[in-house]
C-alpha cells in the first residue's frame, strides 16, 4: 500500500514562511517524480512545483518562483516544500503526489498515480 502523508501546514501571516513535508511509503521513492499541488476553495487543483526522481531538476509555476523551493531527502523518503514570503493568495490545501512518468508534462495532475490527503495552509492578511 502506497502512502503519501503531508504535514507542516498551518496559519501564518503574510510574509511568513512554512515548510511542508510529504513522507512516502510503500513505493520505491527513488524512482518517482514528485509534485506539489494546491486547491483553494471553489477552485480546481493546481500544480505548484515538481521535482524529478534524481532531485536535479525542478519546475514551478510563475507565481511561486523565487518564493517556494522543492527538495527531497532520499534517506527519509520525504519531499519538502519550503514556502517563504507567503501571500493570502497562497491559501489552499496543499497535496503532494507521485508518478513514475510525467509523460512530458509535470503540471498535469492526471500524470500522477498517488496522492496524499492534503494539508491546509492559511495565510492571513
Protein backbone atom coordinates (compact mmCIF):
# COMPACT_ATOMS: atom_id res chain seq x y z
CA UNK A 1 0.00 0.00 0.00
CA UNK A 2 1.33 3.40 -1.01
CA UNK A 3 1.01 6.28 1.40
CA UNK A 4 1.90 9.92 0.97
CA UNK A 5 1.46 11.83 4.20
CA UNK A 6 1.72 15.60 4.22
CA UNK A 7 2.44 17.67 7.29
CA UNK A 8 3.57 21.17 8.21
CA UNK A 9 0.56 23.19 7.21
CA UNK A 10 -0.91 25.89 9.41
CA UNK A 11 -1.83 29.52 9.82
CA UNK A 12 0.80 32.13 9.02
CA UNK A 13 0.81 35.87 8.47
CA UNK A 14 1.55 37.50 5.14
CA UNK A 15 5.29 37.44 4.54
CA UNK A 16 5.81 34.41 6.75
CA UNK A 17 7.24 31.01 5.97
CA UNK A 18 6.21 27.38 6.25
CA UNK A 19 7.84 24.10 5.34
CA UNK A 20 5.62 21.29 4.19
CA UNK A 21 6.75 17.69 4.30
CA UNK A 22 5.47 14.68 2.43
CA UNK A 23 6.59 11.30 3.72
CA UNK A 24 6.29 8.47 1.22
CA UNK A 25 5.97 4.78 1.98
CA UNK A 26 5.11 1.65 0.04
CA UNK A 27 6.91 2.75 -3.10
CA UNK A 28 10.47 2.98 -4.36
CA UNK A 29 10.90 6.68 -3.67
CA UNK A 30 13.98 6.98 -5.88
CA UNK A 31 12.02 6.01 -8.97
CA UNK A 32 9.19 8.53 -8.59
CA UNK A 33 8.90 12.11 -9.70
CA UNK A 34 7.16 14.17 -7.05
CA UNK A 35 4.84 17.12 -7.30
CA UNK A 36 3.07 19.60 -5.04
CA UNK A 37 -0.38 20.81 -5.94
CA UNK A 38 -2.80 23.13 -4.20
CA UNK A 39 -6.52 23.66 -4.20
CA UNK A 40 -8.26 26.77 -2.95
CA UNK A 41 -11.99 26.73 -2.09
CA UNK A 42 -14.10 26.65 -5.22
CA UNK A 43 -11.05 26.29 -7.44
CA UNK A 44 -9.53 23.43 -9.39
CA UNK A 45 -6.48 21.67 -8.09
CA UNK A 46 -3.40 23.46 -9.42
CA UNK A 47 0.18 22.34 -9.97
CA UNK A 48 2.69 24.29 -7.88
CA UNK A 49 6.12 22.67 -8.12
CA UNK A 50 7.68 19.40 -9.16
CA UNK A 51 11.00 17.64 -8.68
CA UNK A 52 12.33 14.79 -10.77
CA UNK A 53 13.32 11.40 -9.43
CA UNK A 54 17.00 12.34 -9.37
CA UNK A 55 16.39 15.57 -7.50
CA UNK A 56 18.37 17.58 -10.03
CA UNK A 57 15.55 19.20 -11.94
CA UNK A 58 12.59 21.20 -10.70
CA UNK A 59 9.72 23.05 -12.29
CA UNK A 60 7.45 25.66 -10.73
CA UNK A 61 4.62 27.93 -11.68
CA UNK A 62 5.50 31.59 -12.11
CA UNK A 63 3.60 32.93 -9.05
CA UNK A 64 5.80 30.91 -6.68
CA UNK A 65 9.17 31.19 -8.38
CA UNK A 66 11.69 32.76 -6.05
CA UNK A 67 9.44 32.07 -3.04
CA UNK A 68 8.89 28.30 -2.99
CA UNK A 69 11.62 25.67 -3.08
CA UNK A 70 11.10 21.94 -3.50
CA UNK A 71 13.64 19.35 -2.34
CA UNK A 72 13.77 15.68 -1.47
CA UNK A 73 15.58 13.53 1.08
CA UNK A 74 16.24 10.00 -0.11
CA UNK A 75 17.29 8.82 3.34
CA UNK A 76 13.86 9.77 4.69
CA UNK A 77 11.78 9.16 1.55
CA UNK A 78 10.43 12.64 2.01
CA UNK A 79 9.83 15.59 -0.26
CA UNK A 80 9.71 19.11 1.12
CA UNK A 81 8.14 22.37 0.05
CA UNK A 82 9.78 25.39 1.62
CA UNK A 83 7.47 28.38 1.25
CA UNK A 84 8.54 31.92 2.04
CA UNK A 85 7.14 35.41 1.50
CA UNK A 86 3.70 33.87 1.73
CA UNK A 87 0.72 35.76 0.40
CA UNK A 88 -3.01 35.42 1.09
CA UNK A 89 -3.44 34.00 -2.41
CA UNK A 90 -1.26 31.05 -1.38
CA UNK A 91 -4.05 29.92 0.94
CA UNK A 92 -5.13 26.43 -0.09
CA UNK A 93 -4.98 22.77 0.75
CA UNK A 94 -1.60 21.52 -0.43
CA UNK A 95 -1.21 17.99 -1.78
CA UNK A 96 1.84 16.00 -2.71
CA UNK A 97 1.72 13.47 -5.50
CA UNK A 98 3.96 10.85 -7.05
CA UNK A 99 4.37 9.50 -10.55
CA UNK A 100 6.74 7.20 -12.41
CA UNK A 101 6.45 9.36 -15.50
CA UNK A 102 5.46 12.95 -16.15
CA UNK A 103 4.86 11.99 -19.80
CA UNK A 104 6.37 15.31 -20.77
CA UNK A 105 4.13 17.44 -18.57
CA UNK A 106 4.89 17.71 -14.86
CA UNK A 107 1.96 20.08 -14.38
CA UNK A 108 -0.71 17.59 -15.45
CA UNK A 109 -2.40 16.20 -12.37
CA UNK A 110 -3.62 13.21 -14.40
CA UNK A 111 0.02 12.14 -14.77
CA UNK A 112 0.26 11.43 -11.04
CA UNK A 113 -0.56 8.00 -9.68
CA UNK A 114 -0.56 8.57 -5.94
CA UNK A 115 -1.82 11.42 -3.80
CA UNK A 116 -1.62 12.47 -0.20
CA UNK A 117 -4.58 13.60 1.87
CA UNK A 118 -3.55 17.24 1.89
CA UNK A 119 -2.54 19.82 4.47
CA UNK A 120 -4.16 23.22 4.94
CA UNK A 121 -2.12 26.37 4.53
CA UNK A 122 -3.79 29.62 5.51
CA UNK A 123 -2.09 32.98 5.03
CA UNK A 124 -3.70 35.86 6.87
CA UNK A 125 -3.51 39.42 5.57
